[in-house]
Amino acid sequence: QLRVSGVNTPSILEAFAATAREDFVPADRRAVAYADRAIPLGDGRVLAPALTYGQMLEAAAPVRADSVLVISANGYLAALAAHLSGAGGRAGAAGCGGAVAG
């Protein structure tokens, strides 16, 4: 789905392959973790489709040794960014709850 939609950067595709999306959804929604749709996480938060995150990462273009701050309602995008920034970089995350995101 990512490649056919134009996300072709090898390091981004590698980050997706190395980051288990099901680890970022509630246990009762793990069966649909890779569905091409937003997945409700509770408290007004959602896990966006993988394509959304892929396009965001393509636009931001983080590379090894970059410092990255992700502001998100879940940790999946931060985990992808951490993978991309590598051991020489830094990735931080700040979350926003349902009241802020809603």
C-alpha atoms as a PDB file:
ATOM      1  CA  GLN A   1       0.000   0.000   0.000  1.00  0.00           C
ATOM      2  CA  LEU A   2       2.791   2.464   0.802  1.00  0.00           C
ATOM      3  CA  ARG A   3       4.772   1.879  -2.393  1.00  0.00           C
ATOM      4  CA  VAL A   4       1.797   2.011  -4.742  1.00  0.00           C
ATOM      5  CA  SER A   5       0.734   5.276  -3.100  1.00  0.00           C
ATOM      6  CA  GLY A   6       4.104   6.945  -3.678  1.00  0.00           C
ATOM      7  CA  VAL A   7       5.974   6.344  -0.410  1.00  0.00           C
ATOM      8  CA  ASN A   8       9.197   4.925  -1.812  1.00  0.00           C
ATOM      9  CA  THR A   9      12.029   6.128   0.430  1.00  0.00           C
ATOM     10  CA  PRO A  10      13.894   2.944   1.424  1.00  0.00           C
ATOM     11  CA  SER A  11      14.627   4.081   4.992  1.00  0.00           C
ATOM     12  CA  ILE A  12      10.950   4.907   5.572  1.00  0.00           C
ATOM     13  CA  LEU A  13       9.817   1.546   4.221  1.00  0.00           C
ATOM     14  CA  GLU A  14      12.425  -0.101   6.468  1.00  0.00           C
ATOM     15  CA  ALA A  15      11.098   1.816   9.495  1.00  0.00           C
ATOM     16  CA  PHE A  16       7.584   0.541   8.791  1.00  0.00           C
ATOM     17  CA  ALA A  17       8.847  -3.021   8.402  1.00  0.00           C
ATOM     18  CA  ALA A  18      10.742  -2.799  11.711  1.00  0.00           C
ATOM     19  CA  THR A  19       7.945  -1.176  13.761  1.00  0.00           C
ATOM     20  CA  ALA A  20       5.099  -3.472  14.798  1.00  0.00           C
ATOM     21  CA  ARG A  21       1.911  -1.430  14.327  1.00  0.00           C
ATOM     22  CA  GLU A  22      -0.106  -3.849  16.471  1.00  0.00           C
ATOM     23  CA  ASP A  23       1.960  -2.802  19.499  1.00  0.00           C
ATOM     24  CA  PHE A  24       0.265   0.613  19.335  1.00  0.00           C
ATOM     25  CA  VAL A  25      -3.386  -0.456  19.334  1.00  0.00           C
ATOM     26  CA  PRO A  26      -5.547  -1.938  22.103  1.00  0.00           C
ATOM     27  CA  ALA A  27      -5.525  -5.737  22.288  1.00  0.00           C
ATOM     28  CA  ASP A  28      -9.103  -5.961  21.023  1.00  0.00           C
ATOM     29  CA  ARG A  29      -8.151  -4.091  17.823  1.00  0.00           C
ATOM     30  CA  ARG A  30      -4.899  -5.869  16.933  1.00  0.00           C
ATOM     31  CA  ALA A  31      -6.603  -7.918  14.232  1.00  0.00           C
ATOM     32  CA  VAL A  32      -7.200  -4.700  12.265  1.00  0.00           C
ATOM     33  CA  ALA A  33      -3.899  -2.991  13.080  1.00  0.00           C
ATOM     34  CA  TYR A  34      -2.816  -3.043   9.434  1.00  0.00           C
ATOM     35  CA  ALA A  35      -6.189  -2.091   7.946  1.00  0.00           C
ATOM     36  CA  ASP A  36      -6.154   0.852   5.566  1.00  0.00           C
ATOM     37  CA  ARG A  37      -8.203   3.068   7.865  1.00  0.00           C
ATOM     38  CA  ALA A  38      -7.995   5.000  11.108  1.00  0.00           C
ATOM     39  CA  ILE A  39      -8.203   2.778  14.180  1.00  0.00           C
ATOM     40  CA  PRO A  40      -9.904   4.150  17.315  1.00  0.00           C
ATOM     41  CA  LEU A  41      -7.642   3.968  20.360  1.00  0.00           C
ATOM     42  CA  GLY A  42     -10.059   5.360  22.927  1.00  0.00           C
ATOM     43  CA  ASP A  43     -10.331   8.777  24.571  1.00  0.00           C
ATOM     44  CA  GLY A  44     -10.914  10.384  21.168  1.00  0.00           C
ATOM     45  CA  ARG A  45      -7.517   9.245  19.850  1.00  0.00           C
ATOM     46  CA  VAL A  46      -6.952   7.336  16.617  1.00  0.00           C
ATOM     47  CA  LEU A  47      -4.095   5.576  14.884  1.00  0.00           C
ATOM     48  CA  ALA A  48      -4.098   7.033  11.385  1.00  0.00           C
ATOM     49  CA  PRO A  49      -3.689   4.827   8.321  1.00  0.00           C
ATOM     50  CA  ALA A  50      -0.075   3.862   7.607  1.00  0.00           C
ATOM     51  CA  LEU A  51      -0.170   5.879   4.388  1.00  0.00           C
ATOM     52  CA  THR A  52      -0.824   9.080   6.359  1.00  0.00           C
ATOM     53  CA  TYR A  53       2.270   8.493   8.480  1.00  0.00           C
ATOM     54  CA  GLY A  54       4.308   7.496   5.423  1.00  0.00           C
ATOM     55  CA  GLN A  55       3.412  10.727   3.646  1.00  0.00           C
ATOM     56  CA  MET A  56       4.226  12.766   6.765  1.00  0.00           C
ATOM     57  CA  LEU A  57       7.642  11.116   7.041  1.00  0.00           C
ATOM     58  CA  GLU A  58       8.334  11.617   3.336  1.00  0.00           C
ATOM     59  CA  ALA A  59       7.546  15.335   3.746  1.00  0.00           C
ATOM     60  CA  ALA A  60       9.653  15.697   6.907  1.00  0.00           C
ATOM     61  CA  ALA A  61      12.486  13.567   5.455  1.00  0.00           C
ATOM     62  CA  PRO A  62      14.247  12.721   8.748  1.00  0.00           C
ATOM     63  CA  VAL A  63      17.613  10.998   8.386  1.00  0.00           C
ATOM     64  CA  ARG A  64      20.127   9.300  10.672  1.00  0.00           C
ATOM     65  CA  ALA A  65      21.485  11.565  13.404  1.00  0.00           C
ATOM     66  CA  ASP A  66      18.549  14.013  13.165  1.00  0.00           C
ATOM     67  CA  SER A  67      16.763  15.232  16.252  1.00  0.00           C
ATOM     68  CA  VAL A  68      13.028  14.746  15.868  1.00  0.00           C
ATOM     69  CA  LEU A  69      10.105  15.869  18.034  1.00  0.00           C
ATOM     70  CA  VAL A  70       6.775  14.221  17.336  1.00  0.00           C
ATOM     71  CA  ILE A  71       3.573  15.646  18.761  1.00  0.00           C
ATOM     72  CA  SER A  72       0.904  13.001  18.394  1.00  0.00           C
ATOM     73  CA  ALA A  73      -1.939  11.241  20.145  1.00  0.00           C
ATOM     74  CA  ASN A  74      -0.100   7.899  19.994  1.00  0.00           C
ATOM     75  CA  GLY A  75       3.458   6.584  19.935  1.00  0.00           C
ATOM     76  CA  TYR A  76       3.505   4.918  16.519  1.00  0.00           C
ATOM     77  CA  LEU A  77       4.752   7.931  14.565  1.00  0.00           C
ATOM     78  CA  ALA A  78       7.355   8.620  17.258  1.00  0.00           C
ATOM     79  CA  ALA A  79       8.593   5.024  17.008  1.00  0.00           C
ATOM     80  CA  LEU A  80       8.914   5.358  13.235  1.00  0.00           C
ATOM     81  CA  ALA A  81      10.799   8.658  13.622  1.00  0.00           C
ATOM     82  CA  ALA A  82      13.098   7.121  16.243  1.00  0.00           C
ATOM     83  CA  HIS A  83      13.939   4.313  13.848  1.00  0.00           C
ATOM     84  CA  LEU A  84      14.756   6.835  11.122  1.00  0.00           C
ATOM     85  CA  SER A  85      16.920   9.057  13.331  1.00  0.00           C
ATOM     86  CA  GLY A  86      18.935   6.031  14.439  1.00  0.00           C
ATOM     87  CA  ALA A  87      21.417   5.616  17.256  1.00  0.00           C
ATOM     88  CA  GLY A  88      23.147   8.908  16.451  1.00  0.00           C
ATOM     89  CA  GLY A  89      19.957  10.940  16.555  1.00  0.00           C
ATOM     90  CA  ARG A  90      17.341  11.771  19.102  1.00  0.00           C
ATOM     91  CA  ALA A  91      13.594  11.328  18.901  1.00  0.00           C
ATOM     92  CA  GLY A  92      11.227  12.763  21.453  1.00  0.00           C
ATOM     93  CA  ALA A  93       7.471  12.667  21.690  1.00  0.00           C
ATOM     94  CA  ALA A  94       4.811  14.777  23.296  1.00  0.00           C
ATOM     95  CA  GLY A  95       1.291  13.460  23.445  1.00  0.00           C
ATOM     96  CA  CYS A  96      -2.025  15.154  23.352  1.00  0.00           C
ATOM     97  CA  GLY A  97      -5.118  13.653  24.933  1.00  0.00           C
ATOM     98  CA  GLY A  98      -8.587  13.422  23.509  1.00  0.00           C
ATOM     99  CA  ALA A  99      -9.640  16.763  24.960  1.00  0.00           C
ATOM    100  CA  VAL A 100      -6.921  18.570  23.038  1.00  0.00           C
ATOM    101  CA  ALA A 101      -7.166  16.510  19.863  1.00  0.00           C
ATOM    102  CA  GLY A 102     -10.978  16.474  19.819  1.00  0.00           C
END
